[in-house]
Amino acid sequence: MVIMMLGAGMVCMKTGTTLAEASFNNPVPGSVQRGQKIYMNTCLTCHQADAGGVPGMTPPLQKSPYVQGPPVKLIGIVLNGLNDGVEIDGETYSNPMPPFSTVLKDQEIADVLTYLRSHFGNKAGPITVNQVNKIRQGLKK
């Protein structure tokens, strides 16, 4: 998949979707705005501008059961990474995801996940910094 910079936005050549066009629903405006920046700087390289992933390698985040599912599992994946293959709609994705527990602060994880859960066709509630902190603390035990 090819991503190009056009004007002020990134465009997915597969779908023609810009990152700005994908951003239409702001349940927590400050968090979503910060989350979009984190997505662009941290997630976009693997998951692409349209969150469509890379076939056979990186899973899509569009209308994803992982993104829209229980916050505990999603937060755990971001904190711990994921080395196992993931199957979504009959396709297996095998690219490991590194852990971000030492890279992103709790607020940053809450922001990027809130952004993901409200964009790219996802319709799930926001993630709070308290939820992230609780799961991070549970992982330390």
Protein backbone atom coordinates (compact mmCIF):
# COMPACT_ATOMS: atom_id res chain seq x y z
CA MET A 1 0.00 0.00 0.00
CA VAL A 2 1.34 3.43 -0.86
CA ILE A 3 0.89 6.49 1.31
CA MET A 4 1.55 9.90 -0.19
CA MET A 5 1.74 13.39 1.23
CA LEU A 6 -0.58 15.70 -0.67
CA GLY A 7 -0.95 19.24 0.55
CA ALA A 8 -1.44 19.14 4.29
CA GLY A 9 -2.67 15.54 4.56
CA MET A 10 -1.71 11.95 4.04
CA VAL A 11 -3.63 9.98 1.45
CA CYS A 12 -4.00 6.23 1.19
CA MET A 13 -3.55 5.39 -2.47
CA LYS A 14 -5.64 2.22 -2.05
CA THR A 15 -8.80 4.02 -0.96
CA GLY A 16 -8.08 7.69 -1.62
CA THR A 17 -9.02 8.43 2.00
CA THR A 18 -7.17 11.20 3.77
CA LEU A 19 -6.45 11.00 7.46
CA ALA A 20 -8.56 14.14 7.91
CA GLU A 21 -11.52 12.56 6.06
CA ALA A 22 -11.28 9.49 8.28
CA SER A 23 -11.65 11.79 11.30
CA PHE A 24 -15.31 12.68 11.51
CA ASN A 25 -16.47 11.78 15.00
CA ASN A 26 -15.04 13.60 18.03
CA PRO A 27 -16.48 12.15 21.26
CA VAL A 28 -13.67 13.67 23.38
CA PRO A 29 -12.24 16.48 21.23
CA GLY A 30 -8.97 17.11 23.10
CA SER A 31 -8.25 13.43 23.45
CA VAL A 32 -9.16 12.72 19.82
CA GLN A 33 -6.96 15.52 18.50
CA ARG A 34 -4.00 14.35 20.58
CA GLY A 35 -4.75 10.74 19.63
CA GLN A 36 -4.71 11.55 15.92
CA LYS A 37 -1.21 13.02 16.27
CA ILE A 38 -0.03 9.95 18.17
CA TYR A 39 -1.55 7.70 15.51
CA MET A 40 0.26 9.62 12.77
CA ASN A 41 3.59 9.45 14.61
CA THR A 42 3.40 5.96 16.09
CA CYS A 43 0.86 3.72 14.35
CA LEU A 44 0.51 4.95 10.78
CA THR A 45 3.69 3.31 9.47
CA CYS A 46 2.31 -0.18 10.09
CA HIS A 47 -1.46 0.32 10.13
CA GLN A 48 -1.55 2.89 7.26
CA ALA A 49 -3.31 6.26 6.91
CA ASP A 50 -6.70 4.63 6.41
CA ALA A 51 -6.07 2.10 9.24
CA GLY A 52 -6.43 -0.64 6.64
CA GLY A 53 -3.25 -2.45 7.66
CA VAL A 54 -1.14 -4.51 5.26
CA PRO A 55 -2.56 -7.81 3.95
CA GLY A 56 -0.96 -10.82 5.61
CA MET A 57 1.22 -8.62 7.82
CA THR A 58 -0.44 -5.86 9.84
CA PRO A 59 -4.10 -6.16 10.83
CA PRO A 60 -6.58 -3.48 9.86
CA LEU A 61 -7.97 -1.23 12.57
CA GLN A 62 -11.04 -0.29 10.50
CA LYS A 63 -14.22 -1.70 12.02
CA SER A 64 -11.94 -3.97 14.00
CA PRO A 65 -13.31 -6.32 16.66
CA TYR A 66 -10.10 -5.67 18.61
CA VAL A 67 -10.56 -1.90 18.51
CA GLN A 68 -14.29 -1.99 19.18
CA GLY A 69 -14.10 -4.84 21.70
CA PRO A 70 -13.38 -4.81 25.41
CA PRO A 71 -11.01 -1.98 26.40
CA VAL A 72 -9.02 -4.33 28.65
CA LYS A 73 -7.84 -6.45 25.72
CA LEU A 74 -7.07 -3.46 23.48
CA ILE A 75 -5.13 -1.62 26.18
CA GLY A 76 -3.24 -4.83 26.98
CA ILE A 77 -2.20 -5.21 23.33
CA VAL A 78 -0.84 -1.66 23.23
CA LEU A 79 0.99 -2.05 26.54
CA ASN A 80 2.39 -5.57 25.96
CA GLY A 81 2.55 -5.76 22.19
CA LEU A 82 1.39 -8.81 20.28
CA ASN A 83 3.60 -11.58 18.92
CA ASP A 84 0.93 -14.09 17.98
CA GLY A 85 -0.75 -14.09 14.61
CA VAL A 86 -4.16 -12.46 14.52
CA GLU A 87 -7.07 -13.67 12.42
CA ILE A 88 -9.65 -11.15 11.25
CA ASP A 89 -12.38 -12.08 8.79
CA GLY A 90 -10.54 -15.24 7.78
CA GLU A 91 -7.21 -13.54 7.05
CA THR A 92 -4.18 -14.07 9.29
CA TYR A 93 -1.84 -11.19 10.10
CA SER A 94 1.60 -12.16 11.36
CA ASN A 95 3.60 -8.94 11.82
CA PRO A 96 4.48 -8.65 15.53
CA MET A 97 3.45 -5.45 17.30
CA PRO A 98 6.00 -4.10 19.76
CA PRO A 99 4.98 -3.18 23.30
CA PHE A 100 4.42 0.53 23.88
CA SER A 101 4.41 0.44 27.70
CA THR A 102 7.79 2.18 27.86
CA VAL A 103 7.13 4.44 24.87
CA LEU A 104 3.68 5.91 25.54
CA LYS A 105 2.31 7.38 28.76
CA ASP A 106 -1.13 6.38 30.02
CA GLN A 107 -2.73 9.58 28.69
CA GLU A 108 -1.18 9.03 25.26
CA ILE A 109 -2.52 5.46 25.11
CA ALA A 110 -5.97 6.65 26.20
CA ASP A 111 -5.89 9.37 23.54
CA VAL A 112 -4.79 7.19 20.63
CA LEU A 113 -7.25 4.43 21.53
CA THR A 114 -10.09 6.94 21.92
CA TYR A 115 -9.20 8.24 18.46
CA LEU A 116 -9.16 4.73 16.98
CA ARG A 117 -12.42 3.71 18.65
CA SER A 118 -14.23 6.71 17.14
CA HIS A 119 -12.73 6.76 13.63
CA PHE A 120 -12.14 4.49 10.62
CA GLY A 121 -15.64 3.03 10.87
CA ASN A 122 -15.26 2.14 14.55
CA LYS A 123 -18.06 3.14 16.90
CA ALA A 124 -16.92 2.44 20.44
CA GLY A 125 -16.65 4.53 23.56
CA PRO A 126 -13.60 6.46 24.69
CA ILE A 127 -10.77 5.03 26.75
CA THR A 128 -9.85 6.87 29.94
CA VAL A 129 -6.44 7.40 31.45
CA ASN A 130 -7.73 5.63 34.59
CA GLN A 131 -8.56 2.50 32.56
CA VAL A 132 -5.07 2.46 31.07
CA ASN A 133 -3.43 3.07 34.44
CA LYS A 134 -5.42 0.29 36.11
CA ILE A 135 -4.43 -2.23 33.44
CA ARG A 136 -0.79 -1.09 33.49
CA GLN A 137 -0.70 -1.53 37.28
CA GLY A 138 -2.29 -4.97 36.98
CA LEU A 139 0.40 -6.03 34.53
CA LYS A 140 3.13 -5.07 37.00
CA LYS A 141 1.78 -7.52 39.59
